[in-house]
Amino acid sequence: AKGLARADGFKLAMFIIPTVYEVDERSYLDLIATHQLNGSDLNRDKPVEALAAILGREDIEAINLLPEFRTRSNDSGQQLYIQGDGHFNKEGHRLAASVVSGNLAKTIHEWEGFDRCRSTQAKMPHNSAHAE
């Protein structure tokens, strides 16, 4: 995908979705207790940090949801995941959409290919089946 994007003059971006254990302190502590792990031996940020490092080496824009998710969870106690499921609930999806769109809006104009994208889009033939 990165090669195709570069061939067309664009930059690839990916967003990193943290697990509930990385976001929610209570869930993390429950995981440690359930599996009798030593919390001091663990770095719950390591999966996100490792993926961000890989994306950085590959020159792929990384949009990391963890800071905003952890802040929202810690500050308000708001649940962002479906209980016992690990997927985002409605509020988690809202926050993810907000973080991703905010980051893209902030960085897209910095990408060298943005002006080319706009001029290419303006020159694209319109599908007559979708006209009007």
C-alpha atoms as a PDB file:
ATOM      1  CA  ALA A   1       0.000   0.000   0.000  1.00  0.00           C
ATOM      2  CA  LYS A   2       2.845   2.388   0.815  1.00  0.00           C
ATOM      3  CA  GLY A   3       4.400   1.776  -2.605  1.00  0.00           C
ATOM      4  CA  LEU A   4       1.126   2.442  -4.398  1.00  0.00           C
ATOM      5  CA  ALA A   5       0.558   5.610  -2.388  1.00  0.00           C
ATOM      6  CA  ARG A   6       4.056   6.889  -3.117  1.00  0.00           C
ATOM      7  CA  ALA A   7       3.752   6.049  -6.818  1.00  0.00           C
ATOM      8  CA  ASP A   8       0.735   8.350  -6.939  1.00  0.00           C
ATOM      9  CA  GLY A   9       2.441  11.042  -4.861  1.00  0.00           C
ATOM     10  CA  PHE A  10       0.562  10.414  -1.633  1.00  0.00           C
ATOM     11  CA  LYS A  11       1.567   9.450   1.876  1.00  0.00           C
ATOM     12  CA  LEU A  12       0.082   6.528   3.785  1.00  0.00           C
ATOM     13  CA  ALA A  13      -1.343   6.998   7.280  1.00  0.00           C
ATOM     14  CA  MET A  14      -2.474   4.380   9.781  1.00  0.00           C
ATOM     15  CA  PHE A  15      -4.107   4.728  13.141  1.00  0.00           C
ATOM     16  CA  ILE A  16      -3.116   2.605  16.105  1.00  0.00           C
ATOM     17  CA  ILE A  17      -5.989   1.146  18.114  1.00  0.00           C
ATOM     18  CA  PRO A  18      -5.040   0.424  21.732  1.00  0.00           C
ATOM     19  CA  THR A  19      -6.520  -2.493  23.641  1.00  0.00           C
ATOM     20  CA  VAL A  20      -8.760  -1.947  26.643  1.00  0.00           C
ATOM     21  CA  TYR A  21      -5.830  -3.072  28.847  1.00  0.00           C
ATOM     22  CA  GLU A  22      -3.651  -0.255  27.535  1.00  0.00           C
ATOM     23  CA  VAL A  23      -6.395   2.321  28.105  1.00  0.00           C
ATOM     24  CA  ASP A  24      -8.289   1.324  31.245  1.00  0.00           C
ATOM     25  CA  GLU A  25      -6.302   0.984  34.473  1.00  0.00           C
ATOM     26  CA  ARG A  26      -8.900  -1.246  36.163  1.00  0.00           C
ATOM     27  CA  SER A  27      -8.963  -3.669  33.228  1.00  0.00           C
ATOM     28  CA  TYR A  28      -5.165  -3.770  33.221  1.00  0.00           C
ATOM     29  CA  LEU A  29      -4.985  -4.524  36.948  1.00  0.00           C
ATOM     30  CA  ASP A  30      -7.668  -7.219  36.574  1.00  0.00           C
ATOM     31  CA  LEU A  31      -5.636  -8.827  33.769  1.00  0.00           C
ATOM     32  CA  ILE A  32      -2.513  -8.872  35.941  1.00  0.00           C
ATOM     33  CA  ALA A  33      -4.402 -10.377  38.890  1.00  0.00           C
ATOM     34  CA  THR A  34      -6.262 -12.968  36.794  1.00  0.00           C
ATOM     35  CA  HIS A  35      -3.077 -14.268  35.191  1.00  0.00           C
ATOM     36  CA  GLN A  36      -0.917 -13.770  38.306  1.00  0.00           C
ATOM     37  CA  LEU A  37       1.532 -11.535  36.450  1.00  0.00           C
ATOM     38  CA  ASN A  38       4.114  -9.225  37.955  1.00  0.00           C
ATOM     39  CA  GLY A  39       3.059  -5.741  36.860  1.00  0.00           C
ATOM     40  CA  SER A  40       6.543  -4.322  37.387  1.00  0.00           C
ATOM     41  CA  ASP A  41       7.821  -6.689  34.672  1.00  0.00           C
ATOM     42  CA  LEU A  42       5.336  -5.343  32.135  1.00  0.00           C
ATOM     43  CA  ASN A  43       5.131  -2.229  29.994  1.00  0.00           C
ATOM     44  CA  ARG A  44       1.529  -1.822  28.929  1.00  0.00           C
ATOM     45  CA  ASP A  45       2.523   0.863  26.414  1.00  0.00           C
ATOM     46  CA  LYS A  46       4.985  -1.419  24.617  1.00  0.00           C
ATOM     47  CA  PRO A  47       2.599  -2.743  21.906  1.00  0.00           C
ATOM     48  CA  VAL A  48       1.637   0.778  20.814  1.00  0.00           C
ATOM     49  CA  GLU A  49       5.230   2.022  21.090  1.00  0.00           C
ATOM     50  CA  ALA A  50       6.520  -0.915  19.026  1.00  0.00           C
ATOM     51  CA  LEU A  51       3.941  -0.406  16.273  1.00  0.00           C
ATOM     52  CA  ALA A  52       4.572   3.364  16.203  1.00  0.00           C
ATOM     53  CA  ALA A  53       8.315   2.694  15.853  1.00  0.00           C
ATOM     54  CA  ILE A  54       7.739   0.299  12.941  1.00  0.00           C
ATOM     55  CA  LEU A  55       5.477   2.802  11.198  1.00  0.00           C
ATOM     56  CA  GLY A  56       8.035   5.550  11.782  1.00  0.00           C
ATOM     57  CA  ARG A  57      10.829   3.459  10.232  1.00  0.00           C
ATOM     58  CA  GLU A  58       8.584   2.824   7.235  1.00  0.00           C
ATOM     59  CA  ASP A  59       7.750   6.546   6.933  1.00  0.00           C
ATOM     60  CA  ILE A  60       4.062   5.863   7.504  1.00  0.00           C
ATOM     61  CA  GLU A  61       2.094   8.501   9.394  1.00  0.00           C
ATOM     62  CA  ALA A  62       1.032   6.986  12.744  1.00  0.00           C
ATOM     63  CA  ILE A  63      -2.106   8.307  14.411  1.00  0.00           C
ATOM     64  CA  ASN A  64      -1.903   7.015  17.967  1.00  0.00           C
ATOM     65  CA  LEU A  65      -5.269   6.841  19.732  1.00  0.00           C
ATOM     66  CA  LEU A  66      -3.779   5.817  23.090  1.00  0.00           C
ATOM     67  CA  PRO A  67      -3.075   9.241  24.654  1.00  0.00           C
ATOM     68  CA  GLU A  68      -6.579  10.597  24.053  1.00  0.00           C
ATOM     69  CA  PHE A  69      -8.250   7.311  24.993  1.00  0.00           C
ATOM     70  CA  ARG A  70      -6.275   7.008  28.215  1.00  0.00           C
ATOM     71  CA  THR A  71      -6.921  10.639  29.144  1.00  0.00           C
ATOM     72  CA  ARG A  72     -10.663  10.291  28.544  1.00  0.00           C
ATOM     73  CA  SER A  73     -10.792   7.028  30.498  1.00  0.00           C
ATOM     74  CA  ASN A  74      -8.737   8.357  33.428  1.00  0.00           C
ATOM     75  CA  ASP A  75     -10.315  11.812  33.649  1.00  0.00           C
ATOM     76  CA  SER A  76     -13.969  10.869  33.283  1.00  0.00           C
ATOM     77  CA  GLY A  77     -14.009   7.143  34.000  1.00  0.00           C
ATOM     78  CA  GLN A  78     -15.937   6.807  30.755  1.00  0.00           C
ATOM     79  CA  GLN A  79     -16.107   3.319  29.262  1.00  0.00           C
ATOM     80  CA  LEU A  80     -14.832   3.274  25.674  1.00  0.00           C
ATOM     81  CA  TYR A  81     -15.036  -0.474  25.055  1.00  0.00           C
ATOM     82  CA  ILE A  82     -17.881  -2.984  25.118  1.00  0.00           C
ATOM     83  CA  GLN A  83     -17.654  -4.782  28.459  1.00  0.00           C
ATOM     84  CA  GLY A  84     -15.983  -8.193  28.060  1.00  0.00           C
ATOM     85  CA  ASP A  85     -15.693  -7.789  24.286  1.00  0.00           C
ATOM     86  CA  GLY A  86     -12.665  -5.589  23.611  1.00  0.00           C
ATOM     87  CA  HIS A  87     -14.288  -3.639  20.767  1.00  0.00           C
ATOM     88  CA  PHE A  88     -15.141   0.055  20.952  1.00  0.00           C
ATOM     89  CA  ASN A  89     -18.567   1.018  22.215  1.00  0.00           C
ATOM     90  CA  LYS A  90     -20.421   4.038  20.811  1.00  0.00           C
ATOM     91  CA  GLU A  91     -18.298   6.522  22.786  1.00  0.00           C
ATOM     92  CA  GLY A  92     -15.097   4.736  21.781  1.00  0.00           C
ATOM     93  CA  HIS A  93     -16.044   5.015  18.115  1.00  0.00           C
ATOM     94  CA  ARG A  94     -16.866   8.701  18.547  1.00  0.00           C
ATOM     95  CA  LEU A  95     -13.540   9.406  20.201  1.00  0.00           C
ATOM     96  CA  ALA A  96     -11.619   7.389  17.585  1.00  0.00           C
ATOM     97  CA  ALA A  97     -13.342   9.285  14.760  1.00  0.00           C
ATOM     98  CA  SER A  98     -12.572  12.599  16.449  1.00  0.00           C
ATOM     99  CA  VAL A  99      -8.896  11.776  17.002  1.00  0.00           C
ATOM    100  CA  VAL A 100      -8.360  10.379  13.501  1.00  0.00           C
ATOM    101  CA  SER A 101     -10.171  13.197  11.699  1.00  0.00           C
ATOM    102  CA  GLY A 102      -8.438  15.836  13.823  1.00  0.00           C
ATOM    103  CA  ASN A 103      -5.013  14.381  13.115  1.00  0.00           C
ATOM    104  CA  LEU A 104      -5.700  14.023   9.400  1.00  0.00           C
ATOM    105  CA  ALA A 105      -7.029  17.566   9.131  1.00  0.00           C
ATOM    106  CA  LYS A 106      -3.913  18.838  10.894  1.00  0.00           C
ATOM    107  CA  THR A 107      -1.380  16.913   8.804  1.00  0.00           C
ATOM    108  CA  ILE A 108      -2.923  16.495   5.366  1.00  0.00           C
ATOM    109  CA  HIS A 109      -1.992  20.012   4.258  1.00  0.00           C
ATOM    110  CA  GLU A 110       1.615  19.355   5.242  1.00  0.00           C
ATOM    111  CA  TRP A 111       1.907  16.445   2.830  1.00  0.00           C
ATOM    112  CA  GLU A 112       3.625  17.394  -0.400  1.00  0.00           C
ATOM    113  CA  GLY A 113       1.088  15.450  -2.457  1.00  0.00           C
ATOM    114  CA  PHE A 114      -1.955  17.315  -1.131  1.00  0.00           C
ATOM    115  CA  ASP A 115      -2.038  20.021  -3.820  1.00  0.00           C
ATOM    116  CA  ARG A 116      -1.446  17.382  -6.477  1.00  0.00           C
ATOM    117  CA  CYS A 117      -4.341  15.363  -5.064  1.00  0.00           C
ATOM    118  CA  ARG A 118      -6.690  18.346  -5.302  1.00  0.00           C
ATOM    119  CA  SER A 119      -5.647  19.155  -8.875  1.00  0.00           C
ATOM    120  CA  THR A 120      -5.881  15.491  -9.920  1.00  0.00           C
ATOM    121  CA  GLN A 121      -9.345  15.199  -8.417  1.00  0.00           C
ATOM    122  CA  ALA A 122     -10.498  18.313 -10.272  1.00  0.00           C
ATOM    123  CA  LYS A 123      -9.345  16.797 -13.589  1.00  0.00           C
ATOM    124  CA  MET A 124     -10.989  13.399 -13.041  1.00  0.00           C
ATOM    125  CA  PRO A 125     -13.841  12.615 -15.448  1.00  0.00           C
ATOM    126  CA  HIS A 126     -17.207  12.432 -13.766  1.00  0.00           C
ATOM    127  CA  ASN A 127     -19.290   9.292 -14.020  1.00  0.00           C
ATOM    128  CA  SER A 128     -22.389  10.242 -16.006  1.00  0.00           C
ATOM    129  CA  ALA A 129     -24.461   7.660 -14.122  1.00  0.00           C
ATOM    130  CA  HIS A 130     -23.930   9.697 -10.957  1.00  0.00           C
ATOM    131  CA  ALA A 131     -24.405  13.148 -12.499  1.00  0.00           C
ATOM    132  CA  GLU A 132     -27.010  15.425 -10.959  1.00  0.00           C
END
